Amino acid sequence: MPSENPTPVQPAGMPPPGGHYSHGMVANGFVFVSGQLPITPAGEKLAGASFAEQARQVLENVSAVLQASGSGIARLVQVRVYLDDIENWPEFNRIYADWAGSARPSRAIVPTGKLHYGLKLEVEAVALAG
């Protein structure tokens, strides 16, 4: 089985992660996107923003990590979504469907209760590397 040293992904224009981790890692032909929160490229936490604004920012962040690794939405394999309130699932599903287009990776929606900084969702993903 081929072995590849894991390579961290730091998208241009995104602030560094808030903890001891990378936004993403490329290893053995896959991109592993760390949980992305609704934080803008300028580092603003969107706690006061609507759920829709937060969801769009999170998905933009996932896209940025995928793009920086040479991958993209069409190469997604799995997506895991953490919601502070399951009542937001229908709205997230609509926004996600627009974002994902024809891509239909496996997906889990996990209701969690309160998230960091009072944010409403977090998304992590796995994709084939570019």
C-alpha atoms as a PDB file:
ATOM      1  CA  MET A   1       0.000   0.000   0.000  1.00  0.00           C
ATOM      2  CA  PRO A   2       1.468   3.387  -0.949  1.00  0.00           C
ATOM      3  CA  SER A   3       2.420   5.666   1.895  1.00  0.00           C
ATOM      4  CA  GLU A   4       2.380   9.442   1.778  1.00  0.00           C
ATOM      5  CA  ASN A   5       3.482  11.837   4.460  1.00  0.00           C
ATOM      6  CA  PRO A   6       0.516  13.929   5.602  1.00  0.00           C
ATOM      7  CA  THR A   7       0.696  17.497   4.291  1.00  0.00           C
ATOM      8  CA  PRO A   8      -1.109  20.340   6.081  1.00  0.00           C
ATOM      9  CA  VAL A   9      -3.387  22.673   4.131  1.00  0.00           C
ATOM     10  CA  GLN A  10      -3.520  26.393   4.976  1.00  0.00           C
ATOM     11  CA  PRO A  11      -5.709  28.223   2.445  1.00  0.00           C
ATOM     12  CA  ALA A  12      -4.463  31.661   1.428  1.00  0.00           C
ATOM     13  CA  GLY A  13      -6.587  34.356   2.987  1.00  0.00           C
ATOM     14  CA  MET A  14      -7.910  32.229   5.855  1.00  0.00           C
ATOM     15  CA  PRO A  15      -6.767  32.970   9.387  1.00  0.00           C
ATOM     16  CA  PRO A  16      -4.721  30.257  11.052  1.00  0.00           C
ATOM     17  CA  PRO A  17      -6.723  27.676  13.024  1.00  0.00           C
ATOM     18  CA  GLY A  18      -7.694  28.650  16.554  1.00  0.00           C
ATOM     19  CA  GLY A  19      -6.056  25.577  18.090  1.00  0.00           C
ATOM     20  CA  HIS A  20      -3.345  23.002  17.558  1.00  0.00           C
ATOM     21  CA  TYR A  21      -4.555  21.602  14.224  1.00  0.00           C
ATOM     22  CA  SER A  22      -4.542  22.317  10.480  1.00  0.00           C
ATOM     23  CA  HIS A  23      -7.495  23.465   8.372  1.00  0.00           C
ATOM     24  CA  GLY A  24      -6.939  20.312   6.389  1.00  0.00           C
ATOM     25  CA  MET A  25      -4.520  17.466   5.753  1.00  0.00           C
ATOM     26  CA  VAL A  26      -3.724  15.666   2.521  1.00  0.00           C
ATOM     27  CA  ALA A  27      -2.722  12.022   2.987  1.00  0.00           C
ATOM     28  CA  ASN A  28      -2.893   8.847   0.913  1.00  0.00           C
ATOM     29  CA  GLY A  29      -4.982  10.398  -1.841  1.00  0.00           C
ATOM     30  CA  PHE A  30      -7.516  12.071   0.441  1.00  0.00           C
ATOM     31  CA  VAL A  31      -8.132  15.550   1.824  1.00  0.00           C
ATOM     32  CA  PHE A  32      -9.370  15.658   5.411  1.00  0.00           C
ATOM     33  CA  VAL A  33     -11.038  19.007   6.147  1.00  0.00           C
ATOM     34  CA  SER A  34     -11.075  19.924   9.822  1.00  0.00           C
ATOM     35  CA  GLY A  35     -14.301  21.177  11.325  1.00  0.00           C
ATOM     36  CA  GLN A  36     -14.946  24.614   9.860  1.00  0.00           C
ATOM     37  CA  LEU A  37     -16.847  27.234  11.810  1.00  0.00           C
ATOM     38  CA  PRO A  38     -18.575  30.360  10.461  1.00  0.00           C
ATOM     39  CA  ILE A  39     -15.485  32.540  10.731  1.00  0.00           C
ATOM     40  CA  THR A  40     -14.683  34.967   7.914  1.00  0.00           C
ATOM     41  CA  PRO A  41     -11.280  35.175   6.204  1.00  0.00           C
ATOM     42  CA  ALA A  42     -10.705  38.322   8.309  1.00  0.00           C
ATOM     43  CA  GLY A  43     -11.173  36.225  11.471  1.00  0.00           C
ATOM     44  CA  GLU A  44     -14.646  37.553  12.383  1.00  0.00           C
ATOM     45  CA  LYS A  45     -16.803  35.023  14.230  1.00  0.00           C
ATOM     46  CA  LEU A  46     -20.342  35.338  12.827  1.00  0.00           C
ATOM     47  CA  ALA A  47     -22.156  34.556  16.093  1.00  0.00           C
ATOM     48  CA  GLY A  48     -24.627  37.412  15.549  1.00  0.00           C
ATOM     49  CA  ALA A  49     -25.345  36.491  11.921  1.00  0.00           C
ATOM     50  CA  SER A  50     -28.361  34.564  10.676  1.00  0.00           C
ATOM     51  CA  PHE A  51     -28.173  30.797  10.343  1.00  0.00           C
ATOM     52  CA  ALA A  52     -28.097  31.138   6.540  1.00  0.00           C
ATOM     53  CA  GLU A  53     -25.131  33.553   6.648  1.00  0.00           C
ATOM     54  CA  GLN A  54     -23.281  31.237   9.015  1.00  0.00           C
ATOM     55  CA  ALA A  55     -23.995  28.186   6.857  1.00  0.00           C
ATOM     56  CA  ARG A  56     -22.785  29.896   3.685  1.00  0.00           C
ATOM     57  CA  GLN A  57     -19.569  31.025   5.403  1.00  0.00           C
ATOM     58  CA  VAL A  58     -18.863  27.533   6.716  1.00  0.00           C
ATOM     59  CA  LEU A  59     -19.336  26.036   3.251  1.00  0.00           C
ATOM     60  CA  GLU A  60     -17.112  28.747   1.723  1.00  0.00           C
ATOM     61  CA  ASN A  61     -14.458  27.773   4.270  1.00  0.00           C
ATOM     62  CA  VAL A  62     -14.773  24.090   3.325  1.00  0.00           C
ATOM     63  CA  SER A  63     -14.468  25.063  -0.352  1.00  0.00           C
ATOM     64  CA  ALA A  64     -11.347  27.119   0.387  1.00  0.00           C
ATOM     65  CA  VAL A  65      -9.641  24.161   2.064  1.00  0.00           C
ATOM     66  CA  LEU A  66     -10.621  21.843  -0.782  1.00  0.00           C
ATOM     67  CA  GLN A  67      -9.365  24.310  -3.394  1.00  0.00           C
ATOM     68  CA  ALA A  68      -6.087  24.918  -1.542  1.00  0.00           C
ATOM     69  CA  SER A  69      -5.461  21.171  -1.564  1.00  0.00           C
ATOM     70  CA  GLY A  70      -6.181  20.851  -5.297  1.00  0.00           C
ATOM     71  CA  SER A  71      -9.529  19.160  -4.718  1.00  0.00           C
ATOM     72  CA  GLY A  72     -13.091  20.442  -4.944  1.00  0.00           C
ATOM     73  CA  ILE A  73     -16.745  19.893  -4.135  1.00  0.00           C
ATOM     74  CA  ALA A  74     -17.150  17.300  -6.910  1.00  0.00           C
ATOM     75  CA  ARG A  75     -14.495  15.149  -5.200  1.00  0.00           C
ATOM     76  CA  LEU A  76     -16.192  15.062  -1.778  1.00  0.00           C
ATOM     77  CA  VAL A  77     -16.613  11.607  -0.276  1.00  0.00           C
ATOM     78  CA  GLN A  78     -18.089  12.367   3.148  1.00  0.00           C
ATOM     79  CA  VAL A  79     -19.440  15.413   4.996  1.00  0.00           C
ATOM     80  CA  ARG A  80     -20.324  15.667   8.685  1.00  0.00           C
ATOM     81  CA  VAL A  81     -22.447  18.583   9.892  1.00  0.00           C
ATOM     82  CA  TYR A  82     -22.811  19.585  13.529  1.00  0.00           C
ATOM     83  CA  LEU A  83     -25.873  21.759  14.249  1.00  0.00           C
ATOM     84  CA  ASP A  84     -26.610  23.521  17.515  1.00  0.00           C
ATOM     85  CA  ASP A  85     -30.336  23.068  16.795  1.00  0.00           C
ATOM     86  CA  ILE A  86     -31.842  20.301  14.636  1.00  0.00           C
ATOM     87  CA  GLU A  87     -34.593  22.765  13.675  1.00  0.00           C
ATOM     88  CA  ASN A  88     -32.004  24.334  11.340  1.00  0.00           C
ATOM     89  CA  TRP A  89     -31.686  21.092   9.322  1.00  0.00           C
ATOM     90  CA  PRO A  90     -34.179  21.993   6.538  1.00  0.00           C
ATOM     91  CA  GLU A  91     -32.563  25.394   5.937  1.00  0.00           C
ATOM     92  CA  PHE A  92     -29.091  23.879   5.987  1.00  0.00           C
ATOM     93  CA  ASN A  93     -30.161  21.174   3.552  1.00  0.00           C
ATOM     94  CA  ARG A  94     -31.382  23.799   1.040  1.00  0.00           C
ATOM     95  CA  ILE A  95     -28.177  25.856   1.302  1.00  0.00           C
ATOM     96  CA  TYR A  96     -26.025  22.727   1.143  1.00  0.00           C
ATOM     97  CA  ALA A  97     -27.852  21.416  -1.960  1.00  0.00           C
ATOM     98  CA  ASP A  98     -27.191  24.707  -3.784  1.00  0.00           C
ATOM     99  CA  TRP A  99     -23.525  24.602  -2.724  1.00  0.00           C
ATOM    100  CA  ALA A 100     -22.934  20.914  -3.504  1.00  0.00           C
ATOM    101  CA  GLY A 101     -24.756  20.922  -6.837  1.00  0.00           C
ATOM    102  CA  SER A 102     -24.616  17.479  -8.421  1.00  0.00           C
ATOM    103  CA  ALA A 103     -22.159  16.158  -5.800  1.00  0.00           C
ATOM    104  CA  ARG A 104     -23.852  13.795  -3.362  1.00  0.00           C
ATOM    105  CA  PRO A 105     -21.220  12.624  -0.875  1.00  0.00           C
ATOM    106  CA  SER A 106     -22.252  10.588   2.133  1.00  0.00           C
ATOM    107  CA  ARG A 107     -23.374  12.913   4.927  1.00  0.00           C
ATOM    108  CA  ALA A 108     -24.305  12.945   8.583  1.00  0.00           C
ATOM    109  CA  ILE A 109     -26.180  15.655  10.476  1.00  0.00           C
ATOM    110  CA  VAL A 110     -25.350  15.633  14.177  1.00  0.00           C
ATOM    111  CA  PRO A 111     -27.346  17.786  16.616  1.00  0.00           C
ATOM    112  CA  THR A 112     -24.942  18.966  19.315  1.00  0.00           C
ATOM    113  CA  GLY A 113     -26.413  21.738  21.391  1.00  0.00           C
ATOM    114  CA  LYS A 114     -24.246  24.772  22.064  1.00  0.00           C
ATOM    115  CA  LEU A 115     -21.098  25.193  19.909  1.00  0.00           C
ATOM    116  CA  HIS A 116     -17.965  27.346  20.312  1.00  0.00           C
ATOM    117  CA  TYR A 117     -18.465  31.126  20.524  1.00  0.00           C
ATOM    118  CA  GLY A 118     -22.267  30.743  20.242  1.00  0.00           C
ATOM    119  CA  LEU A 119     -21.974  29.700  16.569  1.00  0.00           C
ATOM    120  CA  LYS A 120     -24.726  27.598  15.007  1.00  0.00           C
ATOM    121  CA  LEU A 121     -22.860  24.954  12.992  1.00  0.00           C
ATOM    122  CA  GLU A 122     -19.578  23.274  12.148  1.00  0.00           C
ATOM    123  CA  VAL A 123     -18.775  21.173   9.067  1.00  0.00           C
ATOM    124  CA  GLU A 124     -15.965  18.690   8.421  1.00  0.00           C
ATOM    125  CA  ALA A 125     -15.360  16.725   5.238  1.00  0.00           C
ATOM    126  CA  VAL A 126     -13.281  14.120   3.412  1.00  0.00           C
ATOM    127  CA  ALA A 127     -12.573  14.374  -0.323  1.00  0.00           C
ATOM    128  CA  LEU A 128     -10.374  12.752  -2.917  1.00  0.00           C
ATOM    129  CA  ALA A 129      -7.201  14.770  -3.375  1.00  0.00           C
ATOM    130  CA  GLY A 130      -6.656  16.578  -6.642  1.00  0.00           C
END
